[in-house]
Amino acid sequence: MADTITVTGVVATPPTKGTAAGTPVCNFRLASGLRRFDREQGRWIEYGTNWYSVAAYRYLASNVSESISKGDRIIVRGRLRIKEWENSGGKGMALDLDAESIGHDLTWGTSSFTRHSRREAETQTEEPEDIEEANDEFVVSEAAPPFDWHAAQPGVEESVV
């Protein structure tokens, strides 16, 4: 089981949209800068960057690919997977984030929102048993439960589209 975390950062690569086993997928890299306040200098100092490979699936992938671009400051909530790797150049760890929600970080600017109809979203939420990208970089082995629009939007009537 993976941990659910929230990360803020800058979209470092253009989001790429494709399909994995017939399911829409959007991938990009996220740079999350580390900062601390230096009292002696009286300013914030950058002291490193955490890099995440982010993958969004199904209707989230479609919305992300149309909404964010390289350089945007965003917030991502999702399941963290840490993978160790080794090749001829050395070894290290990769931080993969399977996104559950993504949005612009409004600390840095404004955004506008366009809601899709319930019918559109339902046609994009068909869950396959396994989602696997061709290069095996991102894998989700458990299908998420269907999204419950009424639980997420209390007070919204069913006739609203």
Protein backbone atom coordinates (compact mmCIF):
# COMPACT_ATOMS: atom_id res chain seq x y z
CA MET A 1 0.00 0.00 0.00
CA ALA A 2 1.33 3.43 -0.92
CA ASP A 3 1.24 6.56 1.23
CA THR A 4 -1.03 9.45 0.20
CA ILE A 5 0.81 12.77 0.19
CA THR A 6 0.32 16.33 -1.00
CA VAL A 7 3.15 18.03 -2.88
CA THR A 8 3.48 21.56 -4.23
CA GLY A 9 5.90 22.47 -6.95
CA VAL A 10 6.57 23.55 -10.51
CA VAL A 11 5.67 21.49 -13.59
CA ALA A 12 9.16 20.81 -14.94
CA THR A 13 8.34 19.02 -18.21
CA PRO A 14 5.50 19.46 -20.69
CA PRO A 15 2.66 17.07 -19.77
CA THR A 16 2.49 14.16 -22.22
CA LYS A 17 -0.85 12.56 -22.96
CA GLY A 18 -1.20 9.00 -24.16
CA THR A 19 -2.96 5.77 -23.38
CA ALA A 20 -2.06 2.76 -21.27
CA ALA A 21 -4.11 -0.34 -22.06
CA GLY A 22 -6.77 1.92 -23.61
CA THR A 23 -6.91 4.23 -20.58
CA PRO A 24 -5.96 7.92 -20.91
CA VAL A 25 -2.75 8.77 -19.02
CA CYS A 26 -0.88 12.07 -18.56
CA ASN A 27 2.73 12.11 -17.31
CA PHE A 28 5.04 14.95 -16.26
CA ARG A 29 7.88 15.73 -13.85
CA LEU A 30 7.31 17.94 -10.81
CA ALA A 31 10.08 19.93 -9.10
CA SER A 32 9.41 20.69 -5.44
CA GLY A 33 11.95 23.19 -4.09
CA LEU A 34 13.20 22.98 -0.53
CA ARG A 35 13.61 26.29 1.29
CA ARG A 36 14.51 27.50 4.75
CA PHE A 37 14.71 30.92 6.34
CA ASP A 38 18.27 32.07 7.11
CA ARG A 39 18.03 34.43 10.11
CA GLU A 40 21.57 35.73 9.63
CA GLN A 41 20.89 36.81 6.05
CA GLY A 42 17.24 37.64 6.71
CA ARG A 43 16.00 35.80 3.58
CA TRP A 44 14.79 32.47 2.28
CA ILE A 45 17.48 30.15 0.92
CA GLU A 46 16.91 27.34 -1.57
CA TYR A 47 18.79 24.20 -0.53
CA GLY A 48 17.64 21.48 -2.90
CA THR A 49 14.84 20.10 -5.03
CA ASN A 50 12.79 16.91 -4.78
CA TRP A 51 11.81 15.48 -8.17
CA TYR A 52 8.62 13.48 -8.70
CA SER A 53 7.34 11.58 -11.74
CA VAL A 54 3.60 12.28 -11.75
CA ALA A 55 1.01 10.13 -13.55
CA ALA A 56 -2.69 10.99 -13.86
CA TYR A 57 -5.22 8.53 -15.28
CA ARG A 58 -8.68 8.52 -16.89
CA TYR A 59 -10.68 11.77 -16.78
CA LEU A 60 -8.05 13.40 -14.55
CA ALA A 61 -5.45 12.78 -17.30
CA SER A 62 -7.64 14.49 -19.90
CA ASN A 63 -8.32 17.48 -17.66
CA VAL A 64 -4.67 17.83 -16.60
CA SER A 65 -3.36 17.72 -20.16
CA GLU A 66 -5.71 20.59 -21.08
CA SER A 67 -5.16 22.62 -17.90
CA ILE A 68 -1.48 22.68 -16.94
CA SER A 69 1.74 23.40 -18.76
CA LYS A 70 5.46 23.53 -18.06
CA GLY A 71 6.27 26.25 -15.51
CA ASP A 72 2.87 26.19 -13.74
CA ARG A 73 2.88 26.05 -9.94
CA ILE A 74 0.56 23.26 -8.88
CA ILE A 75 -0.59 21.13 -5.95
CA VAL A 76 -0.74 17.34 -6.40
CA ARG A 77 -2.35 14.85 -4.02
CA GLY A 78 -1.72 11.21 -4.69
CA ARG A 79 -0.18 7.88 -3.81
CA LEU A 80 3.60 7.92 -3.36
CA ARG A 81 5.70 5.01 -4.57
CA ILE A 82 9.41 4.93 -3.88
CA LYS A 83 11.41 2.70 -6.21
CA GLU A 84 15.08 1.87 -6.01
CA TRP A 85 16.96 1.67 -9.30
CA GLU A 86 20.42 0.65 -10.41
CA ASN A 87 22.25 0.90 -13.73
CA SER A 88 25.81 1.17 -15.00
CA GLY A 89 25.95 4.84 -13.94
CA GLY A 90 25.04 4.18 -10.31
CA LYS A 91 22.01 3.62 -8.17
CA GLY A 92 19.33 5.77 -6.62
CA MET A 93 15.67 6.15 -5.73
CA ALA A 94 12.76 7.35 -7.85
CA LEU A 95 9.70 9.09 -6.39
CA ASP A 96 6.56 8.28 -8.40
CA LEU A 97 3.26 9.96 -7.61
CA ASP A 98 -0.01 8.47 -8.90
CA ALA A 99 -2.20 11.58 -8.83
CA GLU A 100 -5.67 11.55 -7.33
CA SER A 101 -6.17 15.32 -7.70
CA ILE A 102 -4.21 18.18 -9.25
CA GLY A 103 -4.82 21.91 -9.24
CA HIS A 104 -3.08 25.24 -9.66
CA ASP A 105 -1.42 26.64 -6.53
CA LEU A 106 -3.41 29.83 -5.98
CA THR A 107 -0.68 31.22 -3.72
CA TRP A 108 1.09 32.21 -6.94
CA GLY A 109 -1.77 33.39 -9.16
CA THR A 110 -5.39 33.03 -10.20
CA SER A 111 -7.18 30.33 -12.13
CA SER A 112 -10.56 29.75 -13.74
CA PHE A 113 -12.54 26.52 -13.61
CA THR A 114 -14.79 24.90 -16.18
CA ARG A 115 -16.93 22.06 -14.91
CA HIS A 116 -17.56 19.07 -17.16
CA SER A 117 -20.98 17.50 -17.23
CA ARG A 118 -21.65 14.43 -15.11
CA ARG A 119 -22.31 12.39 -18.24
CA GLU A 120 -18.87 13.29 -19.69
CA ALA A 121 -17.09 12.31 -16.49
CA GLU A 122 -18.98 9.02 -16.12
CA THR A 123 -18.04 7.92 -19.64
CA GLN A 124 -14.37 8.47 -18.79
CA THR A 125 -14.33 6.59 -15.46
CA GLU A 126 -14.39 3.01 -16.69
CA GLU A 127 -11.80 1.22 -14.56
CA PRO A 128 -9.57 -1.48 -16.06
CA GLU A 129 -8.18 -4.14 -13.73
CA ASP A 130 -4.57 -3.09 -14.34
CA ILE A 131 -3.09 0.10 -15.77
CA GLU A 132 0.40 -0.24 -17.16
CA GLU A 133 2.29 2.18 -19.34
CA ALA A 134 4.23 0.66 -22.22
CA ASN A 135 7.62 1.46 -20.70
CA ASP A 136 6.64 0.03 -17.28
CA GLU A 137 7.51 3.34 -15.62
CA PHE A 138 4.08 3.79 -14.00
CA VAL A 139 1.95 0.94 -12.70
CA VAL A 140 -1.29 0.98 -10.73
CA SER A 141 -2.35 -2.46 -9.62
CA GLU A 142 -5.52 -1.56 -7.72
CA ALA A 143 -8.45 0.01 -9.54
CA ALA A 144 -9.90 2.95 -7.64
CA PRO A 145 -13.57 2.78 -6.67
CA PRO A 146 -15.98 4.64 -8.96
CA PHE A 147 -16.21 8.35 -8.20
CA ASP A 148 -19.35 9.30 -6.25
CA TRP A 149 -20.37 12.75 -7.51
CA HIS A 150 -23.04 13.24 -4.85
CA ALA A 151 -20.69 12.46 -1.96
CA ALA A 152 -18.13 14.91 -3.38
CA GLN A 153 -20.69 17.64 -4.08
CA PRO A 154 -23.22 17.71 -1.20
CA GLY A 155 -26.30 19.68 -2.08
CA VAL A 156 -25.81 19.41 -5.85
CA GLU A 157 -28.93 18.03 -7.44
CA GLU A 158 -28.75 15.20 -9.93
CA SER A 159 -30.37 17.28 -12.68
CA VAL A 160 -27.35 19.61 -12.74
CA VAL A 161 -25.07 18.77 -15.69
